[in-house]
Amino acid sequence: MTGLAHQIISGLASGSIYASVALALVMIYQSTHHVNFAQGEMATLSTYVCLTLIRSGIPYWGAFLATVIISFILGILVERILIRPMEDAPPLSAVGVFIGLLLLINAFDGWVWDYVIKPFPSPFGNSEAMLGGFVSPHELSETAVTLVVLLAVYLFFRHTTLGLAMRAAAYNATSSRLCGVRVNRMLMLGWGLAAAIGGIAGMMVAPIVFLDPYMMTGILLYAFAGALLGGIDNPLGAVIGGFLVGVLENLFGAYIVGTELKLTVALIIIIAVLLVRPTGLFGRAVQTRV
């Protein structure tokens, strides 16, 4: 039972990161109906920026805040320069743009910071494990930070006029324009917010997995599985799905497939959801009359 409890608690800590990246994926999917395959690479770039600021002498939390702002601006630029011109393009063209952006950012990271694995500092110390030895201080703190971010995003979308306008623009752009909402501006802010959330996830996970240009590759796959499991059109469902994937990954890795094959758990979840319930656990089934 002790081992099982450890796997569940550790899985929830990992799931908090998957949940935040899944939320970013869903935010972009709602506005563009495309999956941003470069979400992980954008988060990795943000983490490299944070490490550079820390090494230049800026305190961690100052570098953290500056990186969130830079990530927000990066998301806005990506939407304005790359995505908006593709608004009426075929779906496969947009997929090509996302994959191209992924490869471009990955190559840029390797060119500027090389491909050597780098340690990333944790602001939460390296003291002994907590909660009976089940979880490290950083894992517990990263979960708390992620939950605070998710709560802030929820309150923003539910209880602010700007958040309501962004939700309306994502759900029905035509009706929103008729109501006076500047849809393009709302979508641009949505991209910025998604990039900022991804950047926070990158900075929280880097002390555990270490930093290199491929740091977020596996995490993006788990996050995508979480988004599909919870519902690719449901932000709350994606968050719940991210936590579920984190727990399932640890349990399957410890007791069934082994740690070397844990990544296959995400692939199995993706295939199972697409075959059994494509809308996910909390997604909406949309019917269209022809």
Protein backbone atom coordinates (compact mmCIF):
# COMPACT_ATOMS: atom_id res chain seq x y z
CA MET A 1 0.00 0.00 0.00
CA THR A 2 2.88 2.36 0.71
CA GLY A 3 4.22 1.91 -2.81
CA LEU A 4 0.77 2.47 -4.29
CA ALA A 5 0.28 5.68 -2.30
CA HIS A 6 3.69 6.90 -3.43
CA GLN A 7 2.86 6.27 -7.09
CA ILE A 8 -0.49 8.07 -6.82
CA ILE A 9 0.91 11.14 -5.05
CA SER A 10 3.88 11.34 -7.42
CA GLY A 11 1.48 10.89 -10.35
CA LEU A 12 -0.62 13.83 -9.16
CA ALA A 13 2.53 15.97 -9.02
CA SER A 14 3.40 15.01 -12.61
CA GLY A 15 -0.24 15.37 -13.61
CA SER A 16 -0.25 19.00 -12.50
CA ILE A 17 2.24 19.78 -15.27
CA TYR A 18 0.31 17.74 -17.82
CA ALA A 19 -2.85 19.56 -16.75
CA SER A 20 -1.38 23.01 -17.33
CA VAL A 21 -0.03 22.10 -20.78
CA ALA A 22 -3.33 20.37 -21.63
CA LEU A 23 -5.16 23.56 -20.67
CA ALA A 24 -2.93 25.56 -23.02
CA LEU A 25 -3.63 23.08 -25.84
CA VAL A 26 -7.39 23.33 -25.26
CA MET A 27 -7.32 27.13 -25.18
CA ILE A 28 -5.71 27.22 -28.60
CA TYR A 29 -7.90 24.42 -29.96
CA GLN A 30 -11.06 26.27 -28.95
CA SER A 31 -10.02 29.37 -30.85
CA THR A 32 -8.46 27.79 -33.95
CA HIS A 33 -9.71 24.15 -33.94
CA HIS A 34 -6.09 23.09 -34.37
CA VAL A 35 -3.67 21.42 -31.97
CA ASN A 36 -0.54 23.46 -31.40
CA PHE A 37 2.16 20.82 -31.83
CA ALA A 38 4.78 23.46 -31.00
CA GLN A 39 3.35 24.14 -27.51
CA GLY A 40 6.09 22.10 -25.83
CA GLU A 41 8.88 23.75 -27.82
CA MET A 42 7.54 27.20 -26.95
CA ALA A 43 7.60 26.21 -23.27
CA THR A 44 11.16 24.93 -23.62
CA LEU A 45 12.25 28.21 -25.22
CA SER A 46 10.68 30.12 -22.33
CA THR A 47 12.57 27.93 -19.84
CA TYR A 48 15.87 28.64 -21.59
CA VAL A 49 15.09 32.36 -21.40
CA CYS A 50 14.46 32.02 -17.66
CA LEU A 51 17.75 30.16 -17.14
CA THR A 52 19.61 32.88 -19.06
CA LEU A 53 18.05 35.60 -16.90
CA ILE A 54 18.95 33.73 -13.70
CA ARG A 55 22.54 33.26 -14.82
CA SER A 56 22.75 36.96 -15.60
CA GLY A 57 22.13 37.70 -11.91
CA ILE A 58 18.38 38.25 -11.76
CA PRO A 59 16.70 36.58 -8.73
CA TYR A 60 14.61 33.51 -9.52
CA TRP A 61 11.18 35.01 -9.04
CA GLY A 62 12.15 38.14 -10.95
CA ALA A 63 13.32 35.95 -13.83
CA PHE A 64 10.15 33.87 -13.47
CA LEU A 65 7.88 36.90 -13.83
CA ALA A 66 9.93 38.31 -16.72
CA THR A 67 9.76 34.95 -18.50
CA VAL A 68 5.98 34.78 -18.12
CA ILE A 69 5.72 38.21 -19.75
CA ILE A 70 8.13 37.25 -22.53
CA SER A 71 6.19 34.01 -23.12
CA PHE A 72 2.95 35.99 -23.35
CA ILE A 73 4.51 38.27 -25.98
CA LEU A 74 5.89 35.24 -27.87
CA GLY A 75 2.40 33.73 -28.05
CA ILE A 76 0.98 37.00 -29.37
CA LEU A 77 3.67 37.21 -32.05
CA VAL A 78 3.09 33.62 -33.15
CA GLU A 79 -0.64 34.26 -33.54
CA ARG A 80 -0.16 37.57 -35.31
CA ILE A 81 2.63 36.54 -37.69
CA LEU A 82 1.98 32.85 -38.38
CA ILE A 83 -1.55 31.85 -37.42
CA ARG A 84 -3.71 34.78 -38.49
CA PRO A 85 -2.60 34.62 -42.15
CA MET A 86 -3.57 30.92 -42.09
CA GLU A 87 -7.12 31.65 -40.89
CA ASP A 88 -8.78 30.47 -44.12
CA ALA A 89 -6.14 27.93 -45.11
CA PRO A 90 -6.86 24.17 -45.31
CA PRO A 91 -6.39 22.27 -42.01
CA LEU A 92 -3.30 20.42 -43.24
CA SER A 93 -1.62 23.73 -44.06
CA ALA A 94 -2.04 24.84 -40.45
CA VAL A 95 -0.66 21.51 -39.23
CA GLY A 96 2.38 22.06 -41.43
CA VAL A 97 2.89 25.51 -39.89
CA PHE A 98 2.75 24.08 -36.36
CA ILE A 99 5.21 21.32 -37.17
CA GLY A 100 7.50 23.82 -38.90
CA LEU A 101 7.37 26.08 -35.84
CA LEU A 102 8.23 23.09 -33.64
CA LEU A 103 11.30 22.25 -35.71
CA LEU A 104 12.35 25.89 -35.95
CA ILE A 105 12.22 26.52 -32.19
CA ASN A 106 13.93 23.21 -31.44
CA ALA A 107 16.79 24.01 -33.81
CA PHE A 108 17.02 27.55 -32.42
CA ASP A 109 17.31 26.23 -28.85
CA GLY A 110 20.08 23.84 -29.84
CA TRP A 111 21.90 26.53 -31.83
CA VAL A 112 21.83 29.13 -29.05
CA TRP A 113 22.10 26.98 -25.91
CA ASP A 114 23.46 23.71 -27.45
CA TYR A 115 22.06 20.23 -26.81
CA VAL A 116 23.86 19.52 -23.54
CA ILE A 117 21.51 18.72 -20.65
CA LYS A 118 21.53 21.56 -18.12
CA PRO A 119 20.41 21.63 -14.48
CA PHE A 120 17.67 24.13 -13.69
CA PRO A 121 17.43 25.68 -10.22
CA SER A 122 14.45 25.06 -7.98
CA PRO A 123 13.21 27.92 -5.78
CA PHE A 124 11.75 25.45 -3.28
CA GLY A 125 14.97 23.99 -1.90
CA ASN A 126 16.32 20.46 -1.78
CA SER A 127 15.25 19.39 1.70
CA GLU A 128 14.09 15.90 2.59
CA ALA A 129 10.97 14.41 1.05
CA MET A 130 7.63 15.42 2.56
CA LEU A 131 4.31 13.71 3.31
CA GLY A 132 5.95 10.61 4.69
CA GLY A 133 8.65 10.55 2.03
CA PHE A 134 6.16 10.29 -0.84
CA VAL A 135 6.91 13.58 -2.58
CA SER A 136 9.79 16.06 -2.79
CA PRO A 137 9.39 19.71 -1.76
CA HIS A 138 9.66 20.79 -5.39
CA GLU A 139 7.00 18.33 -6.56
CA LEU A 140 4.61 19.49 -3.84
CA SER A 141 5.33 23.15 -4.53
CA GLU A 142 5.04 22.82 -8.31
CA THR A 143 1.63 21.23 -7.82
CA ALA A 144 0.60 24.16 -5.62
CA VAL A 145 1.87 26.69 -8.18
CA THR A 146 0.05 24.91 -10.99
CA LEU A 147 -3.20 24.79 -9.01
CA VAL A 148 -2.92 28.51 -8.27
CA VAL A 149 -2.39 29.23 -11.97
CA LEU A 150 -5.34 27.04 -12.96
CA LEU A 151 -7.55 28.73 -10.36
CA ALA A 152 -6.48 32.17 -11.59
CA VAL A 153 -7.30 31.18 -15.18
CA TYR A 154 -10.70 29.85 -14.09
CA LEU A 155 -11.57 33.04 -12.20
CA PHE A 156 -10.34 35.15 -15.13
CA PHE A 157 -12.58 33.43 -17.66
CA ARG A 158 -15.59 33.16 -15.35
CA HIS A 159 -15.62 36.50 -13.56
CA THR A 160 -14.05 39.15 -15.81
CA THR A 161 -15.45 40.94 -18.83
CA LEU A 162 -12.30 40.32 -20.84
CA GLY A 163 -12.40 36.61 -20.00
CA LEU A 164 -16.04 36.41 -21.08
CA ALA A 165 -15.19 38.14 -24.36
CA MET A 166 -12.34 35.68 -24.99
CA ARG A 167 -14.65 32.72 -24.31
CA ALA A 168 -17.28 34.13 -26.64
CA ALA A 169 -14.72 34.70 -29.41
CA ALA A 170 -13.49 31.12 -29.06
CA TYR A 171 -16.96 29.55 -29.13
CA ASN A 172 -18.62 31.65 -31.85
CA ALA A 173 -16.53 34.25 -33.62
CA THR A 174 -19.31 35.42 -35.95
CA SER A 175 -21.83 36.14 -33.19
CA SER A 176 -19.11 37.76 -31.09
CA ARG A 177 -18.27 40.18 -33.90
CA LEU A 178 -21.95 41.12 -34.17
CA CYS A 179 -21.89 41.91 -30.44
CA GLY A 180 -18.91 44.22 -30.83
CA VAL A 181 -16.17 41.86 -29.63
CA ARG A 182 -12.81 42.31 -31.35
CA VAL A 183 -12.34 38.64 -32.14
CA ASN A 184 -8.84 38.89 -33.58
CA ARG A 185 -7.61 40.71 -30.50
CA MET A 186 -9.25 38.13 -28.21
CA LEU A 187 -7.67 35.24 -30.10
CA MET A 188 -4.30 36.97 -29.91
CA LEU A 189 -4.64 37.35 -26.14
CA GLY A 190 -5.68 33.70 -25.89
CA TRP A 191 -2.48 32.63 -27.65
CA GLY A 192 -0.45 34.83 -25.33
CA LEU A 193 -2.12 33.38 -22.26
CA ALA A 194 -1.61 29.80 -23.50
CA ALA A 195 2.08 30.49 -24.14
CA ALA A 196 2.46 31.99 -20.65
CA ILE A 197 0.84 28.93 -19.04
CA GLY A 198 3.11 26.65 -21.06
CA GLY A 199 6.14 28.67 -19.96
CA ILE A 200 5.19 28.26 -16.30
CA ALA A 201 4.84 24.51 -16.83
CA GLY A 202 8.30 24.39 -18.42
CA MET A 203 9.92 26.27 -15.54
CA MET A 204 8.22 24.03 -12.97
CA VAL A 205 9.20 20.73 -14.61
CA ALA A 206 12.77 21.65 -15.62
CA PRO A 207 14.32 21.07 -12.15
CA ILE A 208 13.01 17.47 -12.27
CA VAL A 209 13.72 16.37 -15.84
CA PHE A 210 16.59 18.84 -16.49
CA LEU A 211 16.71 21.22 -19.42
CA ASP A 212 17.49 20.36 -23.02
CA PRO A 213 15.80 21.16 -26.36
CA TYR A 214 13.73 17.95 -26.17
CA MET A 215 12.60 18.44 -22.55
CA MET A 216 8.90 18.90 -23.31
CA THR A 217 8.50 16.28 -26.06
CA GLY A 218 7.21 13.51 -23.81
CA ILE A 219 5.33 15.95 -21.60
CA LEU A 220 3.45 17.32 -24.61
CA LEU A 221 2.38 13.77 -25.52
CA TYR A 222 1.08 13.16 -21.99
CA ALA A 223 -0.67 16.54 -22.02
CA PHE A 224 -2.30 15.76 -25.37
CA ALA A 225 -3.50 12.45 -23.94
CA GLY A 226 -4.92 14.33 -20.95
CA ALA A 227 -6.66 16.86 -23.16
CA LEU A 228 -8.26 14.08 -25.23
CA LEU A 229 -9.21 12.08 -22.15
CA GLY A 230 -10.91 15.03 -20.47
CA GLY A 231 -12.30 16.56 -23.64
CA ILE A 232 -10.37 18.63 -26.17
CA ASP A 233 -13.10 21.30 -26.09
CA ASN A 234 -13.48 21.40 -22.31
CA PRO A 235 -10.80 23.30 -20.29
CA LEU A 236 -11.85 21.84 -16.92
CA GLY A 237 -12.03 18.36 -18.43
CA ALA A 238 -8.53 18.76 -19.87
CA VAL A 239 -7.19 19.70 -16.43
CA ILE A 240 -8.84 16.65 -14.83
CA GLY A 241 -7.58 14.50 -17.71
CA GLY A 242 -4.02 15.75 -17.14
CA PHE A 243 -4.11 14.67 -13.49
CA LEU A 244 -5.61 11.30 -14.45
CA VAL A 245 -2.90 10.69 -17.04
CA GLY A 246 -0.22 11.51 -14.46
CA VAL A 247 -1.60 8.90 -12.06
CA LEU A 248 -2.15 6.28 -14.77
CA GLU A 249 1.35 6.84 -16.13
CA ASN A 250 2.90 6.13 -12.73
CA LEU A 251 0.70 3.14 -11.93
CA PHE A 252 1.18 1.47 -15.32
CA GLY A 253 4.88 2.28 -15.29
CA ALA A 254 5.38 0.80 -11.82
CA TYR A 255 3.19 -2.29 -12.01
CA ILE A 256 2.50 -3.20 -15.65
CA VAL A 257 4.76 -1.94 -18.46
CA GLY A 258 7.84 -0.78 -16.56
CA THR A 259 9.43 2.66 -16.37
CA GLU A 260 11.14 2.30 -19.76
CA LEU A 261 7.79 1.99 -21.57
CA LYS A 262 5.77 4.58 -19.65
CA LEU A 263 5.44 6.75 -22.74
CA THR A 264 3.38 4.03 -24.37
CA VAL A 265 0.70 4.67 -21.73
CA ALA A 266 0.00 8.04 -23.32
CA LEU A 267 -0.27 6.43 -26.76
CA ILE A 268 -2.64 3.76 -25.44
CA ILE A 269 -4.84 6.43 -23.81
CA ILE A 270 -4.94 8.47 -27.03
CA ILE A 271 -5.91 5.46 -29.16
CA ALA A 272 -8.48 4.21 -26.63
CA VAL A 273 -10.18 7.59 -26.32
CA LEU A 274 -10.34 8.08 -30.09
CA LEU A 275 -11.83 4.61 -30.55
CA VAL A 276 -14.25 4.50 -27.60
CA ARG A 277 -15.19 8.10 -26.78
CA PRO A 278 -13.71 10.68 -29.19
CA THR A 279 -15.27 13.59 -27.27
CA GLY A 280 -13.50 12.58 -24.05
CA LEU A 281 -15.00 12.19 -20.59
CA PHE A 282 -16.35 15.73 -20.38
CA GLY A 283 -16.47 16.79 -24.05
CA ARG A 284 -19.55 17.84 -25.98
CA ALA A 285 -20.88 15.79 -28.89
CA VAL A 286 -21.72 18.19 -31.72
CA GLN A 287 -24.35 17.19 -34.27
CA THR A 288 -24.67 19.01 -37.57
CA ARG A 289 -27.67 18.83 -39.88
CA VAL A 290 -26.88 18.33 -43.52
